[in-house]
Protein backbone atom coordinates (compact mmCIF):
# COMPACT_ATOMS: atom_id res chain seq x y z
CA UNK A 1 166.76 139.20 131.34
CA UNK A 2 166.27 141.72 128.49
CA UNK A 3 166.24 145.39 129.51
CA UNK A 4 162.76 145.94 128.03
CA UNK A 5 161.27 143.18 130.21
CA UNK A 6 162.87 144.64 133.32
CA UNK A 7 161.60 148.11 132.40
CA UNK A 8 158.07 146.79 131.85
CA UNK A 9 158.11 145.00 135.22
CA UNK A 10 159.32 148.15 136.97
CA UNK A 11 156.61 150.20 135.26
CA UNK A 12 153.91 147.79 136.42
CA UNK A 13 155.25 147.85 139.96
CA UNK A 14 155.29 151.66 139.92
CA UNK A 15 151.59 151.80 138.98
CA UNK A 16 150.63 149.47 141.82
CA UNK A 17 152.76 151.27 144.40
CA UNK A 18 151.38 154.69 143.40
CA UNK A 19 147.79 153.44 143.54
CA UNK A 20 148.30 151.87 146.97
CA UNK A 21 150.13 154.88 148.37
CA UNK A 22 147.33 157.19 147.22
CA UNK A 23 144.80 155.03 149.09
CA UNK A 24 146.89 155.25 152.24
CA UNK A 25 147.58 158.95 151.86
CA UNK A 26 145.81 161.44 149.61
CA UNK A 27 142.56 159.45 149.35
CA UNK A 28 142.45 157.75 152.74
CA UNK A 29 139.65 159.92 154.15
CA UNK A 30 137.67 159.84 150.92
CA UNK A 31 138.01 156.15 150.04
CA UNK A 32 139.52 153.88 152.67
CA UNK A 33 137.79 155.40 155.70
CA UNK A 34 134.23 155.19 154.29
CA UNK A 35 135.02 151.68 153.01
CA UNK A 36 136.00 150.58 156.52
CA UNK A 37 133.02 152.40 158.03
CA UNK A 38 130.60 150.50 155.77
CA UNK A 39 132.29 147.18 156.60
CA UNK A 40 131.94 147.92 160.33
CA UNK A 41 128.55 149.69 160.44
CA UNK A 42 126.76 147.14 158.28
CA UNK A 43 128.70 144.13 159.62
CA UNK A 44 129.80 143.04 156.18
CA UNK A 45 132.78 140.92 157.27
CA UNK A 46 133.17 138.28 159.94
CA UNK A 47 136.03 136.14 161.15
CA UNK A 48 136.62 133.20 158.83
CA UNK A 49 134.86 134.72 155.80
CA UNK A 50 136.07 133.89 152.32
CA UNK A 51 135.00 136.71 150.02
CA UNK A 52 134.83 136.64 146.24
CA UNK A 53 135.69 140.21 145.26
CA UNK A 54 133.87 140.52 141.93
CA UNK A 55 135.70 142.61 139.34
CA UNK A 56 133.78 143.69 136.26
CA UNK A 57 136.62 145.71 134.77
CA UNK A 58 135.35 149.16 135.71
CA UNK A 59 136.77 151.75 138.10
CA UNK A 60 134.47 150.83 141.00
CA UNK A 61 135.29 147.13 141.20
CA UNK A 62 139.03 147.60 140.65
CA UNK A 63 139.18 150.19 143.43
CA UNK A 64 137.14 147.86 145.66
CA UNK A 65 139.77 145.17 145.09
CA UNK A 66 142.58 147.53 146.13
CA UNK A 67 140.62 148.64 149.22
CA UNK A 68 140.12 145.01 150.20
CA UNK A 69 143.85 144.39 149.81
CA UNK A 70 144.56 147.37 152.06
CA UNK A 71 142.01 146.16 154.62
CA UNK A 72 143.61 142.73 154.58
CA UNK A 73 146.93 144.30 155.56
CA UNK A 74 145.25 145.80 158.63
CA UNK A 75 142.87 142.95 159.38
CA UNK A 76 142.11 142.32 163.04
CA UNK A 77 140.75 138.85 162.34
CA UNK A 78 141.38 136.25 159.64
CA UNK A 79 139.45 136.32 156.37
CA UNK A 80 140.31 135.29 152.83
CA UNK A 81 139.93 137.02 149.48
CA UNK A 82 139.46 135.68 145.98
CA UNK A 83 139.53 138.23 143.14
CA UNK A 84 137.00 136.95 140.66
CA UNK A 85 136.48 138.14 137.08
CA UNK A 86 133.64 136.72 135.03
CA UNK A 87 134.06 137.08 131.27
CA UNK A 88 130.48 137.14 129.90
CA UNK A 89 131.77 137.36 126.33
CA UNK A 90 133.97 140.45 126.21
CA UNK A 91 135.59 141.33 122.92
CA UNK A 92 139.36 140.64 122.92
CA UNK A 93 140.32 144.29 123.51
CA UNK A 94 138.14 144.59 126.62
CA UNK A 95 139.37 141.28 128.01
CA UNK A 96 142.96 142.39 127.44
CA UNK A 97 142.34 145.71 129.23
CA UNK A 98 141.00 143.92 132.32
CA UNK A 99 144.01 141.58 132.39
CA UNK A 100 146.41 144.49 131.89
CA UNK A 101 144.86 146.52 134.74
CA UNK A 102 144.92 143.50 137.05
CA UNK A 103 148.65 143.05 136.40
CA UNK A 104 149.38 146.77 136.78
CA UNK A 105 147.48 146.99 140.08
CA UNK A 106 148.93 143.71 141.39
CA UNK A 107 145.56 142.01 141.77
CA UNK A 108 145.76 138.21 141.34
CA UNK A 109 142.51 137.68 139.46
CA UNK A 110 140.80 134.40 138.61
CA UNK A 111 138.97 134.67 135.28
CA UNK A 112 136.21 132.31 134.22
CA UNK A 113 134.25 132.27 130.97
CA UNK A 114 130.47 132.38 130.40
CA UNK A 115 128.31 132.99 127.32
CA UNK A 116 125.92 135.53 128.83
CA UNK A 117 126.34 138.17 126.10
CA UNK A 118 125.65 135.58 123.44
CA UNK A 119 122.44 134.56 125.22
CA UNK A 120 121.02 138.06 125.69
CA UNK A 121 122.29 140.03 122.68
CA UNK A 122 119.31 139.20 120.46
CA UNK A 123 116.63 140.08 123.01
CA UNK A 124 114.52 142.86 121.48
CA UNK A 125 114.05 145.03 124.57
CA UNK A 126 117.00 146.10 126.67
CA UNK A 127 118.47 142.87 128.09
CA UNK A 128 120.12 144.65 131.03
CA UNK A 129 117.87 143.18 133.74
CA UNK A 130 118.23 139.61 132.46
CA UNK A 131 121.96 140.06 131.94
CA UNK A 132 122.43 141.36 135.50
CA UNK A 133 120.47 138.41 136.94
CA UNK A 134 122.51 135.92 134.94
CA UNK A 135 125.80 137.56 135.90
CA UNK A 136 124.95 137.41 139.58
CA UNK A 137 123.90 133.78 139.34
CA UNK A 138 127.17 132.81 137.67
CA UNK A 139 129.17 134.78 140.26
CA UNK A 140 127.37 133.10 143.16
CA UNK A 141 127.89 129.65 141.63
CA UNK A 142 131.60 130.17 140.93
CA UNK A 143 132.23 131.75 144.33
CA UNK A 144 130.55 128.84 146.08
CA UNK A 145 132.58 126.39 143.98
CA UNK A 146 135.73 128.14 145.23
CA UNK A 147 134.63 127.81 148.85
CA UNK A 148 133.52 131.43 149.34
CA UNK A 149 130.57 132.38 151.53
CA UNK A 150 130.26 135.97 150.29
CA UNK A 151 130.47 137.91 147.04
CA UNK A 152 131.37 141.61 147.09
CA UNK A 153 130.03 143.98 144.43
CA UNK A 154 131.29 147.51 143.74
CA UNK A 155 128.06 149.50 144.03
CA UNK A 156 128.78 152.87 145.62
CA UNK A 157 126.92 155.70 147.41
CA UNK A 158 125.70 157.29 144.18
CA UNK A 159 124.29 153.96 142.96
CA UNK A 160 122.34 153.78 146.23
CA UNK A 161 120.72 157.21 146.04
CA UNK A 162 119.97 156.80 142.34
CA UNK A 163 118.21 153.52 143.12
CA UNK A 164 116.11 155.21 145.82
CA UNK A 165 114.92 157.94 143.43
CA UNK A 166 114.40 155.55 140.52
CA UNK A 167 112.11 153.42 142.66
CA UNK A 168 110.04 156.46 143.63
CA UNK A 169 109.90 158.18 140.24
CA UNK A 170 109.60 155.21 137.91
CA UNK A 171 108.55 152.30 140.13
CA UNK A 172 106.09 153.92 142.51
CA UNK A 173 107.83 152.38 145.51
CA UNK A 174 110.18 153.28 148.33
CA UNK A 175 113.14 150.93 148.50
CA UNK A 176 116.90 151.05 148.48
CA UNK A 177 119.92 149.03 147.44
CA UNK A 178 120.83 147.13 150.60
CA UNK A 179 124.44 146.93 151.90
CA UNK A 180 124.08 143.17 152.33
CA UNK A 181 121.65 140.50 151.13
CA UNK A 182 121.40 136.79 151.84
CA UNK A 183 121.03 134.81 148.62
CA UNK A 184 117.62 133.25 148.07
CA UNK A 185 118.98 130.60 145.69
CA UNK A 186 122.47 129.81 147.00
CA UNK A 187 122.28 128.59 150.58
CA UNK A 188 124.86 130.07 152.91
CA UNK A 189 125.89 132.78 150.44
CA UNK A 190 125.64 136.52 151.08
CA UNK A 191 126.13 139.54 148.81
CA UNK A 192 127.90 142.55 150.35
CA UNK A 193 128.48 146.10 149.09
CA UNK A 194 131.47 147.56 150.99
CA UNK A 195 131.64 150.65 148.70
CA UNK A 196 128.23 151.72 150.04
CA UNK A 197 129.49 154.99 151.55
CA UNK A 198 132.08 155.87 148.88
CA UNK A 199 131.21 158.74 146.52
CA UNK A 200 131.61 158.23 142.77
CA UNK A 201 133.37 161.58 142.31
CA UNK A 202 136.08 160.42 144.70
CA UNK A 203 136.48 157.14 142.81
CA UNK A 204 136.94 159.12 139.60
CA UNK A 205 139.44 161.43 141.30
CA UNK A 206 141.51 158.39 142.43
CA UNK A 207 141.37 156.93 138.91
CA UNK A 208 142.48 160.17 137.28
CA UNK A 209 145.18 160.88 139.87
CA UNK A 210 146.74 157.50 139.12
CA UNK A 211 146.25 157.90 135.34
CA UNK A 212 144.30 154.64 135.12
CA UNK A 213 142.06 153.59 132.26
CA UNK A 214 139.21 151.19 133.01
CA UNK A 215 136.32 149.73 131.05
CA UNK A 216 133.34 152.05 130.72
CA UNK A 217 130.70 149.66 129.41
CA UNK A 218 131.64 146.45 127.65
CA UNK A 219 128.10 145.31 126.94
CA UNK A 220 127.51 143.84 123.47
CA UNK A 221 124.05 145.42 123.44
CA UNK A 222 125.43 148.95 123.71
CA UNK A 223 128.17 148.10 121.20
CA UNK A 224 125.55 147.66 118.47
CA UNK A 225 123.15 150.43 119.49
CA UNK A 226 123.86 154.15 119.43
CA UNK A 227 124.19 155.61 122.89
CA UNK A 228 121.54 158.18 121.92
CA UNK A 229 119.03 155.39 121.40
CA UNK A 230 119.64 153.61 124.69
CA UNK A 231 117.03 154.75 127.19
CA UNK A 232 118.61 155.11 130.60
CA UNK A 233 116.42 156.01 133.51
CA UNK A 234 119.48 155.85 135.75
CA UNK A 235 121.25 158.46 133.62
CA UNK A 236 118.19 160.73 133.91
CA UNK A 237 118.12 160.36 137.69
CA UNK A 238 121.88 160.93 137.92
CA UNK A 239 121.45 164.20 136.00
CA UNK A 240 118.52 165.22 138.23
CA UNK A 241 120.57 164.68 141.39
CA UNK A 242 123.44 166.65 139.87
CA UNK A 243 121.15 169.56 139.03
CA UNK A 244 119.57 169.61 142.50
CA UNK A 245 122.98 169.33 144.19
CA UNK A 246 124.16 172.46 142.37
CA UNK A 247 121.49 174.34 144.32
CA UNK A 248 121.92 172.49 147.62
CA UNK A 249 125.00 170.37 148.31
CA UNK A 250 123.14 168.44 151.01
CA UNK A 251 120.70 166.85 148.56
CA UNK A 252 122.63 163.61 148.05
CA UNK A 253 123.06 162.97 151.78
CA UNK A 254 119.40 163.74 152.40
CA UNK A 255 118.29 161.21 149.79
CA UNK A 256 120.56 158.63 151.41
CA UNK A 257 119.32 159.41 154.92
CA UNK A 258 115.69 159.17 153.80
CA UNK A 259 116.09 155.38 153.65
CA UNK A 260 117.37 155.33 157.26
CA UNK A 261 114.80 157.72 158.74
CA UNK A 262 111.54 156.04 157.71
CA UNK A 263 108.76 156.61 160.26
CA UNK A 264 106.20 153.83 159.85
CA UNK A 265 103.64 155.88 161.80
CA UNK A 266 103.57 158.38 158.92
CA UNK A 267 103.60 155.86 156.06
CA UNK A 268 100.27 155.12 154.37
CA UNK A 269 101.23 151.48 153.68
CA UNK A 270 104.22 149.18 153.74
CA UNK A 271 105.12 145.58 152.91
CA UNK A 272 106.59 143.22 155.49
CA UNK A 273 109.30 140.61 154.85
CA UNK A 274 106.72 138.17 153.47
CA UNK A 275 105.43 140.77 151.01
CA UNK A 276 102.15 141.28 152.87
CA UNK A 277 100.86 144.83 152.58
CA UNK A 278 99.82 146.67 155.75
CA UNK A 279 97.87 149.96 155.86
CA UNK A 280 98.01 152.67 158.51
CA UNK A 281 94.40 151.99 159.53
CA UNK A 282 94.84 148.23 160.10
CA UNK A 283 94.79 148.70 163.88
CA UNK A 284 91.68 150.94 163.94
């Protein structure tokens, strides 16, 4: 075997080993422990599950895959993992980066092709909502085809609190991003978010410590539109939380806890599971 091939293989192995060791050591309390806590507290895994770990190519989903691999090594009951990558129409460089990172991190990915970007790229208004819906539908369908009963997405703690504030400020509603959801369209399928308690700053720290380079945003819409012209309510909310947290470092946790400490006796109105609205004076 040529020396350069051996050297390349050793380099890849070194990246994977370093990443795994950092999860077990330096970042265990910041990453692995909250990951396990979310799995246990929200009952995200059960014996016999087959989970499609959905990898988009970014830092969050790749770390989620490594955390699942680590959990599998410690598993107290049997469950299976499939590492699933959907290519919605990435350009060749982005596709190559995902494949390269998967090899370097020793994640045996299954990649399947869709034409989502082609279908949404010419939509006049931001196609993000439609794109996200289509992505999820394709992931559910492929996961079910592979015999999975759950799909895992890499949404983290900061995604959760940003969603809470976005709903209040721009949607006029109080809701959150749930740690698990049963699919309304794919019977027997459930979406889980095991990164629910993991902070984004800690994900970035793990990425930088291991000198890893992941996709930022591979969307064809943002490729053809200047970042300055892309309205992002989430970016505004992220900046707001950052500003408030500089004054009080408990702000983020308080936003998160607000979705757990709802007192219905002090809420003017709420909607039940069927979407029926109830007012505080209904029992007068």
